[in-house]
Amino acid sequence: MAREGKDDARMQLRNGIDSSQLKQSVKVQRKEVTEHSVKAIALKWLDRDIARGLAEITN
């Protein structure tokens, strides 16, 4: 498995692709997808309602 990763990294380098930059862009894309998940949207909605004094705070 590690050997395959090494081979992939070398192939990417030959093709002019920086593997660390590729990893970072994948990480950013995953974060963007996660930010728009149902849970994230619900939490933003709840935060907004709490700030407005509309949501009941439970302990």
C-alpha atoms as a PDB file:
ATOM      1  CA  MET A   1       0.000   0.000   0.000  1.00  0.00           C
ATOM      2  CA  ALA A   2       2.788   2.442   0.838  1.00  0.00           C
ATOM      3  CA  ARG A   3       4.571   1.472  -2.349  1.00  0.00           C
ATOM      4  CA  GLU A   4       1.470   2.326  -4.379  1.00  0.00           C
ATOM      5  CA  GLY A   5       1.273   5.716  -2.682  1.00  0.00           C
ATOM      6  CA  LYS A   6       4.912   6.377  -3.473  1.00  0.00           C
ATOM      7  CA  ASP A   7       4.367   5.383  -7.103  1.00  0.00           C
ATOM      8  CA  ASP A   8       1.307   7.617  -7.342  1.00  0.00           C
ATOM      9  CA  ALA A   9       3.238  10.558  -5.905  1.00  0.00           C
ATOM     10  CA  ARG A  10       6.055  10.050  -8.401  1.00  0.00           C
ATOM     11  CA  MET A  11       3.600   9.840 -11.294  1.00  0.00           C
ATOM     12  CA  GLN A  12       1.873  13.023 -10.145  1.00  0.00           C
ATOM     13  CA  LEU A  13       5.232  14.770  -9.894  1.00  0.00           C
ATOM     14  CA  ARG A  14       6.105  13.674 -13.432  1.00  0.00           C
ATOM     15  CA  ASN A  15       2.801  15.129 -14.611  1.00  0.00           C
ATOM     16  CA  GLY A  16       3.544  18.452 -12.904  1.00  0.00           C
ATOM     17  CA  ILE A  17       1.135  17.912  -9.998  1.00  0.00           C
ATOM     18  CA  ASP A  18       2.336  18.871  -6.518  1.00  0.00           C
ATOM     19  CA  SER A  19       1.047  16.096  -4.252  1.00  0.00           C
ATOM     20  CA  SER A  20       0.934  18.290  -1.140  1.00  0.00           C
ATOM     21  CA  GLN A  21      -1.029  20.948  -3.012  1.00  0.00           C
ATOM     22  CA  LEU A  22      -3.399  18.262  -4.288  1.00  0.00           C
ATOM     23  CA  LYS A  23      -3.944  16.986  -0.737  1.00  0.00           C
ATOM     24  CA  GLN A  24      -4.689  20.521   0.473  1.00  0.00           C
ATOM     25  CA  SER A  25      -7.205  21.148  -2.300  1.00  0.00           C
ATOM     26  CA  VAL A  26      -8.981  17.861  -1.536  1.00  0.00           C
ATOM     27  CA  LYS A  27      -9.077  18.855   2.135  1.00  0.00           C
ATOM     28  CA  VAL A  28     -10.624  22.233   1.268  1.00  0.00           C
ATOM     29  CA  GLN A  29     -13.210  20.586  -0.989  1.00  0.00           C
ATOM     30  CA  ARG A  30     -14.201  18.159   1.760  1.00  0.00           C
ATOM     31  CA  LYS A  31     -14.552  21.042   4.210  1.00  0.00           C
ATOM     32  CA  GLU A  32     -16.782  22.957   1.788  1.00  0.00           C
ATOM     33  CA  VAL A  33     -19.022  19.928   1.350  1.00  0.00           C
ATOM     34  CA  THR A  34     -19.229  19.426   5.107  1.00  0.00           C
ATOM     35  CA  GLU A  35     -20.118  23.073   5.716  1.00  0.00           C
ATOM     36  CA  HIS A  36     -23.247  22.608   3.649  1.00  0.00           C
ATOM     37  CA  SER A  37     -24.413  19.448   5.370  1.00  0.00           C
ATOM     38  CA  VAL A  38     -27.796  19.301   7.049  1.00  0.00           C
ATOM     39  CA  LYS A  39     -26.200  19.317  10.491  1.00  0.00           C
ATOM     40  CA  ALA A  40     -24.074  22.378   9.735  1.00  0.00           C
ATOM     41  CA  ILE A  41     -27.064  24.267   8.374  1.00  0.00           C
ATOM     42  CA  ALA A  42     -29.180  23.332  11.396  1.00  0.00           C
ATOM     43  CA  LEU A  43     -26.463  24.509  13.788  1.00  0.00           C
ATOM     44  CA  LYS A  44     -26.166  27.839  11.969  1.00  0.00           C
ATOM     45  CA  TRP A  45     -29.945  28.228  12.130  1.00  0.00           C
ATOM     46  CA  LEU A  46     -29.961  27.470  15.850  1.00  0.00           C
ATOM     47  CA  ASP A  47     -27.109  29.908  16.519  1.00  0.00           C
ATOM     48  CA  ARG A  48     -29.018  32.605  14.660  1.00  0.00           C
ATOM     49  CA  ASP A  49     -32.187  31.949  16.673  1.00  0.00           C
ATOM     50  CA  ILE A  50     -30.275  31.954  19.957  1.00  0.00           C
ATOM     51  CA  ALA A  51     -28.690  35.285  19.036  1.00  0.00           C
ATOM     52  CA  ARG A  52     -32.166  36.674  18.356  1.00  0.00           C
ATOM     53  CA  GLY A  53     -33.455  35.287  21.642  1.00  0.00           C
ATOM     54  CA  LEU A  54     -35.896  32.973  19.885  1.00  0.00           C
ATOM     55  CA  ALA A  55     -34.498  29.543  20.740  1.00  0.00           C
ATOM     56  CA  GLU A  56     -34.984  28.040  24.177  1.00  0.00           C
ATOM     57  CA  ILE A  57     -31.685  27.066  25.772  1.00  0.00           C
ATOM     58  CA  THR A  58     -31.750  23.652  27.423  1.00  0.00           C
ATOM     59  CA  ASN A  59     -29.215  22.275  29.836  1.00  0.00           C
END
